[in-house]
Amino acid sequence: MSNKHLYSLLTIAVATFVLTACTISYKFNGTVIDYSKVKTIAITDFTNRAPMVYAPLAVRFNEKIKDTYVRQTRLELTDRNGDLELEGEITGYDITPQSMNANSLSAETRLTIRIQVRYTNNTNPDENFERSYSAYRNFDSSKLITEVQDDLIEEIVDEICNNIYNDTVANW
């Protein structure tokens, strides 16, 4: 065998090894669900038990959390007894002053939402948890909460739902 043939075989062997050893796997939906075992998710409506209640918040949160799982997984949404189960309550809706201006008045106000979540994985109980999630947005105190709360709630609810999703079925 000539050196040229030996060099070609060696190059092919190294290239084959590199290509098979360095494979990268991407999951575009970000889930780590074993769909052969997990087919359904039950999401109980989260009740609003916050001391200060903004009525549309519960509806928005419940729609968004369900929509998140329906859009990003192949799980079938069921009323109860799902392979995965989410339940909880809205525990906080707080508006608090933040920074002060030169006149000792609040220059910025913070809206904070807290949600308590209980997650049950009936196919793998080691993954069960109970956890509190919160997120906030600041807004200029010259604006009334009624002017900004719908937009702020949408942003906050999106963030909390994404965090819950990531902690339950995504590998982040």
N, C-alpha and C. Protein backbone atom coordinates (compact mmCIF):
# COMPACT_ATOMS: atom_id res chain seq x y z
N MET A 1 0.85 -1.17 0.00
CA MET A 1 0.00 0.00 0.00
C MET A 1 0.90 1.23 0.00
N SER A 2 0.58 2.18 -0.86
CA SER A 2 1.41 3.37 -0.97
C SER A 2 1.07 4.36 0.13
N ASN A 3 1.98 5.30 0.35
CA ASN A 3 1.77 6.34 1.36
C ASN A 3 0.54 7.20 1.03
N LYS A 4 0.30 7.39 -0.26
CA LYS A 4 -0.83 8.19 -0.68
C LYS A 4 -2.16 7.53 -0.27
N HIS A 5 -2.25 6.20 -0.50
CA HIS A 5 -3.45 5.47 -0.11
C HIS A 5 -3.61 5.43 1.41
N LEU A 6 -2.50 5.22 2.11
CA LEU A 6 -2.52 5.18 3.56
C LEU A 6 -2.98 6.52 4.12
N TYR A 7 -2.45 7.60 3.54
CA TYR A 7 -2.84 8.95 3.96
C TYR A 7 -4.33 9.18 3.71
N SER A 8 -4.87 8.75 2.57
CA SER A 8 -6.28 8.91 2.24
C SER A 8 -7.16 8.12 3.21
N LEU A 9 -6.79 6.88 3.51
CA LEU A 9 -7.56 6.08 4.46
C LEU A 9 -7.53 6.68 5.85
N LEU A 10 -6.36 7.17 6.26
CA LEU A 10 -6.24 7.80 7.57
C LEU A 10 -7.10 9.06 7.65
N THR A 11 -7.11 9.85 6.60
CA THR A 11 -7.92 11.07 6.55
C THR A 11 -9.41 10.74 6.63
N ILE A 12 -9.84 9.72 5.91
CA ILE A 12 -11.24 9.30 5.95
C ILE A 12 -11.62 8.79 7.34
N ALA A 13 -10.74 8.02 7.95
CA ALA A 13 -11.00 7.49 9.29
C ALA A 13 -11.12 8.62 10.32
N VAL A 14 -10.22 9.58 10.28
CA VAL A 14 -10.26 10.71 11.21
C VAL A 14 -11.51 11.54 10.98
N ALA A 15 -11.84 11.81 9.71
CA ALA A 15 -13.03 12.60 9.40
C ALA A 15 -14.30 11.90 9.89
N THR A 16 -14.36 10.59 9.69
CA THR A 16 -15.52 9.82 10.16
C THR A 16 -15.63 9.88 11.67
N PHE A 17 -14.50 9.73 12.36
CA PHE A 17 -14.50 9.79 13.82
C PHE A 17 -14.96 11.16 14.31
N VAL A 18 -14.44 12.21 13.71
CA VAL A 18 -14.79 13.57 14.13
C VAL A 18 -16.27 13.84 13.88
N LEU A 19 -16.78 13.44 12.75
CA LEU A 19 -18.18 13.69 12.43
C LEU A 19 -19.13 12.92 13.33
N THR A 20 -18.78 11.70 13.70
CA THR A 20 -19.67 10.93 14.56
C THR A 20 -19.51 11.29 16.03
N ALA A 21 -18.34 11.73 16.44
CA ALA A 21 -18.09 12.07 17.84
C ALA A 21 -18.62 13.45 18.20
N CYS A 22 -18.79 14.31 17.25
CA CYS A 22 -19.16 15.69 17.52
C CYS A 22 -20.56 16.03 17.01
N THR A 23 -21.49 15.14 17.22
CA THR A 23 -22.84 15.47 16.79
C THR A 23 -23.50 16.38 17.80
N ILE A 24 -24.29 17.28 17.29
CA ILE A 24 -25.01 18.23 18.13
C ILE A 24 -26.49 18.02 17.88
N SER A 25 -27.25 17.97 18.96
CA SER A 25 -28.68 17.75 18.85
C SER A 25 -29.42 19.00 19.33
N TYR A 26 -30.35 19.46 18.52
CA TYR A 26 -31.17 20.60 18.88
C TYR A 26 -32.63 20.17 18.95
N LYS A 27 -33.34 20.68 19.93
CA LYS A 27 -34.78 20.50 20.01
C LYS A 27 -35.37 21.89 19.90
N PHE A 28 -36.08 22.14 18.83
CA PHE A 28 -36.56 23.49 18.57
C PHE A 28 -37.70 23.92 19.49
N ASN A 29 -38.40 22.97 20.09
CA ASN A 29 -39.46 23.38 21.01
C ASN A 29 -38.96 23.44 22.44
N GLY A 30 -37.74 23.00 22.70
CA GLY A 30 -37.13 23.12 24.00
C GLY A 30 -37.65 22.14 25.04
N THR A 31 -38.43 21.16 24.64
CA THR A 31 -38.99 20.24 25.62
C THR A 31 -38.15 18.99 25.78
N VAL A 32 -38.27 18.38 26.93
CA VAL A 32 -37.63 17.09 27.19
C VAL A 32 -38.71 16.08 27.60
N ILE A 33 -39.82 16.15 26.94
CA ILE A 33 -40.96 15.28 27.25
C ILE A 33 -40.80 13.97 26.50
N ASP A 34 -40.98 12.87 27.21
CA ASP A 34 -41.02 11.55 26.59
C ASP A 34 -42.48 11.30 26.21
N TYR A 35 -42.81 11.59 24.95
CA TYR A 35 -44.20 11.51 24.51
C TYR A 35 -44.72 10.08 24.46
N SER A 36 -43.85 9.08 24.60
CA SER A 36 -44.34 7.70 24.68
C SER A 36 -44.95 7.43 26.05
N LYS A 37 -44.58 8.23 27.07
CA LYS A 37 -45.11 8.07 28.43
C LYS A 37 -46.04 9.21 28.83
N VAL A 38 -45.75 10.41 28.36
CA VAL A 38 -46.49 11.60 28.79
C VAL A 38 -47.31 12.12 27.61
N LYS A 39 -48.63 12.04 27.75
CA LYS A 39 -49.50 12.44 26.65
C LYS A 39 -50.45 13.58 27.00
N THR A 40 -50.72 13.77 28.31
CA THR A 40 -51.72 14.75 28.71
C THR A 40 -51.19 15.66 29.81
N ILE A 41 -51.78 16.84 29.89
CA ILE A 41 -51.51 17.77 30.98
C ILE A 41 -52.83 18.34 31.46
N ALA A 42 -53.01 18.34 32.77
CA ALA A 42 -54.19 18.94 33.39
C ALA A 42 -53.74 20.23 34.07
N ILE A 43 -54.35 21.33 33.69
CA ILE A 43 -54.03 22.62 34.30
C ILE A 43 -55.31 23.15 34.94
N THR A 44 -55.33 23.11 36.27
CA THR A 44 -56.47 23.61 37.03
C THR A 44 -56.41 25.13 37.04
N ASP A 45 -57.57 25.77 36.90
CA ASP A 45 -57.60 27.23 36.94
C ASP A 45 -57.00 27.74 38.25
N PHE A 46 -56.08 28.68 38.13
CA PHE A 46 -55.45 29.31 39.28
C PHE A 46 -56.41 30.35 39.83
N THR A 47 -56.73 30.26 41.10
CA THR A 47 -57.62 31.23 41.72
C THR A 47 -56.82 32.43 42.21
N ASN A 48 -57.47 33.56 42.29
CA ASN A 48 -56.81 34.77 42.74
C ASN A 48 -57.03 34.94 44.24
N ARG A 49 -55.98 34.69 45.02
CA ARG A 49 -56.06 34.82 46.48
C ARG A 49 -55.18 35.96 46.99
N ALA A 50 -54.82 36.84 46.08
CA ALA A 50 -53.99 37.99 46.47
C ALA A 50 -54.81 38.94 47.34
N PRO A 51 -54.17 39.57 48.31
CA PRO A 51 -54.89 40.55 49.14
C PRO A 51 -55.50 41.67 48.30
N MET A 52 -54.80 42.10 47.26
CA MET A 52 -55.32 43.12 46.35
C MET A 52 -55.64 42.40 45.04
N VAL A 53 -56.90 42.43 44.62
CA VAL A 53 -57.33 41.65 43.46
C VAL A 53 -57.61 42.57 42.27
N TYR A 54 -57.00 42.22 41.13
CA TYR A 54 -57.35 42.84 39.85
C TYR A 54 -58.04 41.73 39.07
N ALA A 55 -59.34 41.83 38.92
CA ALA A 55 -60.18 40.74 38.40
C ALA A 55 -59.70 40.11 37.09
N PRO A 56 -59.28 40.87 36.09
CA PRO A 56 -58.87 40.25 34.83
C PRO A 56 -57.57 39.42 34.91
N LEU A 57 -56.82 39.57 35.99
CA LEU A 57 -55.54 38.87 36.09
C LEU A 57 -55.70 37.36 36.05
N ALA A 58 -56.62 36.80 36.80
CA ALA A 58 -56.78 35.34 36.84
C ALA A 58 -57.14 34.79 35.46
N VAL A 59 -58.04 35.44 34.77
CA VAL A 59 -58.44 34.99 33.43
C VAL A 59 -57.24 35.03 32.49
N ARG A 60 -56.50 36.11 32.51
CA ARG A 60 -55.34 36.24 31.62
C ARG A 60 -54.28 35.20 31.93
N PHE A 61 -54.00 35.00 33.21
CA PHE A 61 -52.98 34.02 33.58
C PHE A 61 -53.42 32.62 33.16
N ASN A 62 -54.66 32.25 33.46
CA ASN A 62 -55.14 30.91 33.13
C ASN A 62 -55.12 30.65 31.63
N GLU A 63 -55.51 31.62 30.84
CA GLU A 63 -55.47 31.47 29.38
C GLU A 63 -54.03 31.33 28.90
N LYS A 64 -53.13 32.15 29.43
CA LYS A 64 -51.74 32.16 28.97
C LYS A 64 -51.02 30.87 29.35
N ILE A 65 -51.20 30.37 30.57
CA ILE A 65 -50.48 29.16 30.98
C ILE A 65 -50.95 27.97 30.14
N LYS A 66 -52.24 27.87 29.89
CA LYS A 66 -52.75 26.77 29.06
C LYS A 66 -52.24 26.90 27.63
N ASP A 67 -52.30 28.11 27.09
CA ASP A 67 -51.85 28.36 25.73
C ASP A 67 -50.36 28.04 25.57
N THR A 68 -49.57 28.32 26.59
CA THR A 68 -48.13 28.05 26.53
C THR A 68 -47.87 26.56 26.29
N TYR A 69 -48.55 25.70 27.03
CA TYR A 69 -48.34 24.26 26.89
C TYR A 69 -48.95 23.71 25.60
N VAL A 70 -50.10 24.23 25.20
CA VAL A 70 -50.74 23.76 23.98
C VAL A 70 -49.89 24.12 22.75
N ARG A 71 -49.37 25.34 22.72
CA ARG A 71 -48.59 25.81 21.57
C ARG A 71 -47.21 25.17 21.50
N GLN A 72 -46.58 24.91 22.65
CA GLN A 72 -45.18 24.51 22.65
C GLN A 72 -44.96 23.02 22.88
N THR A 73 -46.03 22.26 23.08
CA THR A 73 -45.89 20.82 23.25
C THR A 73 -46.95 20.11 22.43
N ARG A 74 -46.85 18.79 22.40
CA ARG A 74 -47.88 17.96 21.77
C ARG A 74 -48.82 17.37 22.81
N LEU A 75 -48.76 17.88 24.03
CA LEU A 75 -49.59 17.36 25.11
C LEU A 75 -51.05 17.74 24.89
N GLU A 76 -51.94 16.82 25.22
CA GLU A 76 -53.36 17.10 25.15
C GLU A 76 -53.79 17.70 26.48
N LEU A 77 -54.47 18.83 26.42
CA LEU A 77 -54.97 19.50 27.62
C LEU A 77 -56.22 18.77 28.09
N THR A 78 -56.23 18.39 29.36
CA THR A 78 -57.36 17.67 29.94
C THR A 78 -57.79 18.36 31.23
N ASP A 79 -59.03 18.11 31.65
CA ASP A 79 -59.55 18.76 32.85
C ASP A 79 -58.92 18.23 34.13
N ARG A 80 -58.63 16.93 34.19
CA ARG A 80 -58.04 16.35 35.40
C ARG A 80 -57.36 15.03 35.05
N ASN A 81 -56.61 14.52 36.01
CA ASN A 81 -55.90 13.25 35.89
C ASN A 81 -54.94 13.21 34.69
N GLY A 82 -54.22 14.29 34.47
CA GLY A 82 -53.24 14.30 33.40
C GLY A 82 -51.96 13.61 33.82
N ASP A 83 -51.17 13.23 32.82
CA ASP A 83 -49.85 12.68 33.12
C ASP A 83 -49.02 13.73 33.86
N LEU A 84 -49.20 14.99 33.47
CA LEU A 84 -48.61 16.13 34.17
C LEU A 84 -49.77 16.96 34.71
N GLU A 85 -49.57 17.57 35.88
CA GLU A 85 -50.62 18.40 36.46
C GLU A 85 -50.03 19.69 37.00
N LEU A 86 -50.70 20.79 36.71
CA LEU A 86 -50.33 22.11 37.24
C LEU A 86 -51.52 22.68 37.98
N GLU A 87 -51.27 23.19 39.17
CA GLU A 87 -52.31 23.87 39.92
C GLU A 87 -51.65 24.91 40.82
N GLY A 88 -52.46 25.81 41.32
CA GLY A 88 -51.91 26.82 42.21
C GLY A 88 -52.84 27.99 42.35
N GLU A 89 -52.26 29.10 42.79
CA GLU A 89 -53.05 30.30 43.00
C GLU A 89 -52.20 31.55 42.82
N ILE A 90 -52.88 32.63 42.53
CA ILE A 90 -52.24 33.93 42.47
C ILE A 90 -52.19 34.43 43.91
N THR A 91 -51.00 34.68 44.42
CA THR A 91 -50.86 35.03 45.83
C THR A 91 -50.50 36.50 46.06
N GLY A 92 -50.12 37.20 44.99
CA GLY A 92 -49.75 38.58 45.18
C GLY A 92 -49.97 39.44 43.94
N TYR A 93 -50.46 40.62 44.17
CA TYR A 93 -50.62 41.67 43.16
C TYR A 93 -50.35 42.95 43.93
N ASP A 94 -49.10 43.41 43.87
CA ASP A 94 -48.68 44.51 44.73
C ASP A 94 -48.20 45.70 43.90
N ILE A 95 -48.58 46.87 44.34
CA ILE A 95 -48.13 48.12 43.74
C ILE A 95 -47.37 48.87 44.83
N THR A 96 -46.07 49.08 44.60
CA THR A 96 -45.23 49.70 45.63
C THR A 96 -44.39 50.82 45.03
N PRO A 97 -44.23 51.92 45.77
CA PRO A 97 -43.36 53.01 45.30
C PRO A 97 -41.90 52.54 45.33
N GLN A 98 -41.11 53.05 44.40
CA GLN A 98 -39.70 52.66 44.32
C GLN A 98 -38.79 53.85 44.60
N SER A 99 -38.36 54.50 43.57
CA SER A 99 -37.42 55.61 43.75
C SER A 99 -38.15 56.92 44.01
N MET A 100 -37.47 57.81 44.72
CA MET A 100 -38.05 59.12 45.05
C MET A 100 -37.41 60.20 44.19
N ASN A 101 -38.18 61.23 43.88
CA ASN A 101 -37.62 62.35 43.14
C ASN A 101 -37.20 63.46 44.11
N ALA A 102 -36.80 64.60 43.60
CA ALA A 102 -36.29 65.71 44.42
C ALA A 102 -37.35 66.26 45.38
N ASN A 103 -38.61 66.09 45.06
CA ASN A 103 -39.70 66.59 45.92
C ASN A 103 -40.16 65.56 46.94
N SER A 104 -39.40 64.51 47.13
CA SER A 104 -39.74 63.41 48.04
C SER A 104 -41.03 62.70 47.64
N LEU A 105 -41.31 62.71 46.36
CA LEU A 105 -42.45 61.97 45.82
C LEU A 105 -41.91 60.78 45.04
N SER A 106 -42.72 59.77 44.94
CA SER A 106 -42.30 58.58 44.21
C SER A 106 -42.15 58.90 42.72
N ALA A 107 -40.99 58.58 42.17
CA ALA A 107 -40.74 58.81 40.75
C ALA A 107 -41.06 57.55 39.94
N GLU A 108 -41.03 56.43 40.62
CA GLU A 108 -41.25 55.17 39.94
C GLU A 108 -42.06 54.24 40.85
N THR A 109 -42.92 53.46 40.23
CA THR A 109 -43.75 52.52 40.97
C THR A 109 -43.54 51.13 40.39
N ARG A 110 -43.65 50.11 41.25
CA ARG A 110 -43.44 48.72 40.82
C ARG A 110 -44.73 47.93 40.98
N LEU A 111 -45.07 47.21 39.91
CA LEU A 111 -46.16 46.24 39.96
C LEU A 111 -45.52 44.85 40.02
N THR A 112 -45.84 44.09 41.08
CA THR A 112 -45.31 42.75 41.27
C THR A 112 -46.45 41.75 41.35
N ILE A 113 -46.29 40.64 40.64
CA ILE A 113 -47.27 39.56 40.68
C ILE A 113 -46.56 38.30 41.16
N ARG A 114 -47.20 37.58 42.11
CA ARG A 114 -46.66 36.32 42.63
C ARG A 114 -47.68 35.20 42.39
N ILE A 115 -47.15 34.06 41.97
CA ILE A 115 -47.99 32.89 41.69
C ILE A 115 -47.37 31.68 42.40
N GLN A 116 -48.17 30.96 43.14
CA GLN A 116 -47.75 29.72 43.79
C GLN A 116 -48.15 28.56 42.87
N VAL A 117 -47.20 27.67 42.57
CA VAL A 117 -47.43 26.57 41.62
C VAL A 117 -47.11 25.23 42.27
N ARG A 118 -48.01 24.27 42.04
CA ARG A 118 -47.75 22.88 42.40
C ARG A 118 -47.72 22.08 41.10
N TYR A 119 -46.59 21.41 40.86
CA TYR A 119 -46.40 20.63 39.64
C TYR A 119 -46.29 19.17 40.01
N THR A 120 -47.09 18.35 39.35
CA THR A 120 -47.06 16.91 39.59
C THR A 120 -46.79 16.20 38.27
N ASN A 121 -45.77 15.36 38.27
CA ASN A 121 -45.47 14.52 37.12
C ASN A 121 -45.84 13.10 37.53
N ASN A 122 -46.99 12.63 37.09
CA ASN A 122 -47.48 11.32 37.48
C ASN A 122 -46.69 10.17 36.87
N THR A 123 -45.85 10.45 35.88
CA THR A 123 -45.00 9.40 35.31
C THR A 123 -43.61 9.38 35.94
N ASN A 124 -43.24 10.47 36.61
CA ASN A 124 -41.94 10.55 37.29
C ASN A 124 -42.07 11.45 38.52
N PRO A 125 -42.54 10.91 39.63
CA PRO A 125 -42.79 11.71 40.83
C PRO A 125 -41.56 12.44 41.39
N ASP A 126 -40.36 12.03 41.01
CA ASP A 126 -39.15 12.74 41.46
C ASP A 126 -39.11 14.17 40.95
N GLU A 127 -39.86 14.48 39.92
CA GLU A 127 -39.86 15.83 39.35
C GLU A 127 -40.93 16.74 39.96
N ASN A 128 -41.76 16.23 40.86
CA ASN A 128 -42.80 17.04 41.48
C ASN A 128 -42.18 18.18 42.28
N PHE A 129 -42.87 19.32 42.31
CA PHE A 129 -42.40 20.43 43.15
C PHE A 129 -43.54 21.39 43.45
N GLU A 130 -43.30 22.21 44.46
CA GLU A 130 -44.15 23.36 44.77
C GLU A 130 -43.22 24.55 44.86
N ARG A 131 -43.56 25.61 44.14
CA ARG A 131 -42.66 26.74 44.02
C ARG A 131 -43.45 28.03 43.82
N SER A 132 -42.87 29.12 44.26
CA SER A 132 -43.47 30.43 44.06
C SER A 132 -42.71 31.15 42.93
N TYR A 133 -43.46 31.78 42.05
CA TYR A 133 -42.89 32.56 40.95
C TYR A 133 -43.34 34.00 41.10
N SER A 134 -42.45 34.91 40.78
CA SER A 134 -42.85 36.31 40.78
C SER A 134 -42.09 37.06 39.70
N ALA A 135 -42.68 38.13 39.28
CA ALA A 135 -42.05 39.02 38.31
C ALA A 135 -42.63 40.41 38.54
N TYR A 136 -41.89 41.41 38.09
CA TYR A 136 -42.36 42.78 38.29
C TYR A 136 -41.97 43.65 37.11
N ARG A 137 -42.62 44.78 37.02
CA ARG A 137 -42.28 45.82 36.06
C ARG A 137 -42.43 47.16 36.78
N ASN A 138 -41.51 48.05 36.51
CA ASN A 138 -41.58 49.41 37.05
C ASN A 138 -42.22 50.32 36.01
N PHE A 139 -42.90 51.33 36.50
CA PHE A 139 -43.48 52.33 35.61
C PHE A 139 -43.39 53.70 36.25
N ASP A 140 -43.46 54.71 35.42
CA ASP A 140 -43.36 56.10 35.86
C ASP A 140 -44.55 56.44 36.76
N SER A 141 -44.27 56.98 37.92
CA SER A 141 -45.33 57.29 38.88
C SER A 141 -46.25 58.42 38.44
N SER A 142 -45.87 59.12 37.39
CA SER A 142 -46.77 60.15 36.88
C SER A 142 -47.96 59.53 36.14
N LYS A 143 -47.89 58.23 35.86
CA LYS A 143 -48.99 57.53 35.20
C LYS A 143 -49.83 56.80 36.24
N LEU A 144 -51.11 56.74 35.99
CA LEU A 144 -52.01 55.98 36.85
C LEU A 144 -51.86 54.49 36.53
N ILE A 145 -52.03 53.65 37.55
CA ILE A 145 -51.94 52.21 37.33
C ILE A 145 -52.93 51.76 36.27
N THR A 146 -54.09 52.38 36.20
CA THR A 146 -55.11 52.00 35.21
C THR A 146 -54.64 52.26 33.79
N GLU A 147 -53.68 53.17 33.62
CA GLU A 147 -53.15 53.46 32.28
C GLU A 147 -52.17 52.39 31.81
N VAL A 148 -51.49 51.74 32.72
CA VAL A 148 -50.39 50.85 32.34
C VAL A 148 -50.57 49.40 32.74
N GLN A 149 -51.51 49.10 33.62
CA GLN A 149 -51.54 47.75 34.20
C GLN A 149 -51.82 46.65 33.19
N ASP A 150 -52.66 46.87 32.19
CA ASP A 150 -52.94 45.81 31.22
C ASP A 150 -51.68 45.40 30.45
N ASP A 151 -50.90 46.37 30.00
CA ASP A 151 -49.65 46.06 29.29
C ASP A 151 -48.63 45.41 30.23
N LEU A 152 -48.53 45.93 31.44
CA LEU A 152 -47.58 45.38 32.40
C LEU A 152 -47.96 43.95 32.78
N ILE A 153 -49.24 43.71 32.98
CA ILE A 153 -49.70 42.37 33.33
C ILE A 153 -49.37 41.39 32.21
N GLU A 154 -49.57 41.80 30.99
CA GLU A 154 -49.25 40.92 29.86
C GLU A 154 -47.77 40.52 29.88
N GLU A 155 -46.89 41.49 30.09
CA GLU A 155 -45.45 41.21 30.14
C GLU A 155 -45.10 40.30 31.33
N ILE A 156 -45.66 40.61 32.48
CA ILE A 156 -45.35 39.84 33.70
C ILE A 156 -45.87 38.41 33.58
N VAL A 157 -47.10 38.26 33.11
CA VAL A 157 -47.68 36.94 32.95
C VAL A 157 -46.88 36.12 31.94
N ASP A 158 -46.46 36.73 30.84
CA ASP A 158 -45.61 36.03 29.86
C ASP A 158 -44.34 35.51 30.53
N GLU A 159 -43.69 36.35 31.31
CA GLU A 159 -42.45 35.96 31.97
C GLU A 159 -42.67 34.81 32.95
N ILE A 160 -43.70 34.92 33.76
CA ILE A 160 -43.97 33.87 34.75
C ILE A 160 -44.34 32.55 34.06
N CYS A 161 -45.17 32.61 33.04
CA CYS A 161 -45.55 31.39 32.32
C CYS A 161 -44.34 30.73 31.66
N ASN A 162 -43.46 31.53 31.09
CA ASN A 162 -42.24 30.97 30.49
C ASN A 162 -41.36 30.32 31.55
N ASN A 163 -41.25 30.92 32.71
CA ASN A 163 -40.45 30.34 33.79
C ASN A 163 -41.05 29.02 34.28
N ILE A 164 -42.36 28.98 34.42
CA ILE A 164 -43.03 27.74 34.83
C ILE A 164 -42.81 26.66 33.78
N TYR A 165 -43.00 27.00 32.52
CA TYR A 165 -42.79 26.07 31.42
C TYR A 165 -41.36 25.52 31.43
N ASN A 166 -40.40 26.42 31.57
CA ASN A 166 -38.99 26.00 31.59
C ASN A 166 -38.69 25.07 32.75
N ASP A 167 -39.29 25.32 33.91
CA ASP A 167 -39.03 24.48 35.08
C ASP A 167 -39.75 23.14 35.03
N THR A 168 -40.79 23.02 34.22
CA THR A 168 -41.55 21.79 34.19
C THR A 168 -41.20 20.87 33.03
N VAL A 169 -41.14 21.38 31.83
CA VAL A 169 -40.94 20.49 30.67
C VAL A 169 -39.80 20.88 29.75
N ALA A 170 -39.15 22.00 29.98
CA ALA A 170 -38.05 22.40 29.11
C ALA A 170 -36.73 22.10 29.79
N ASN A 171 -35.72 21.89 29.03
CA ASN A 171 -34.41 21.55 29.56
C ASN A 171 -33.53 22.79 29.55
N TRP A 172 -33.86 23.76 30.38
CA TRP A 172 -33.09 25.02 30.42
C TRP A 172 -32.32 25.13 31.68
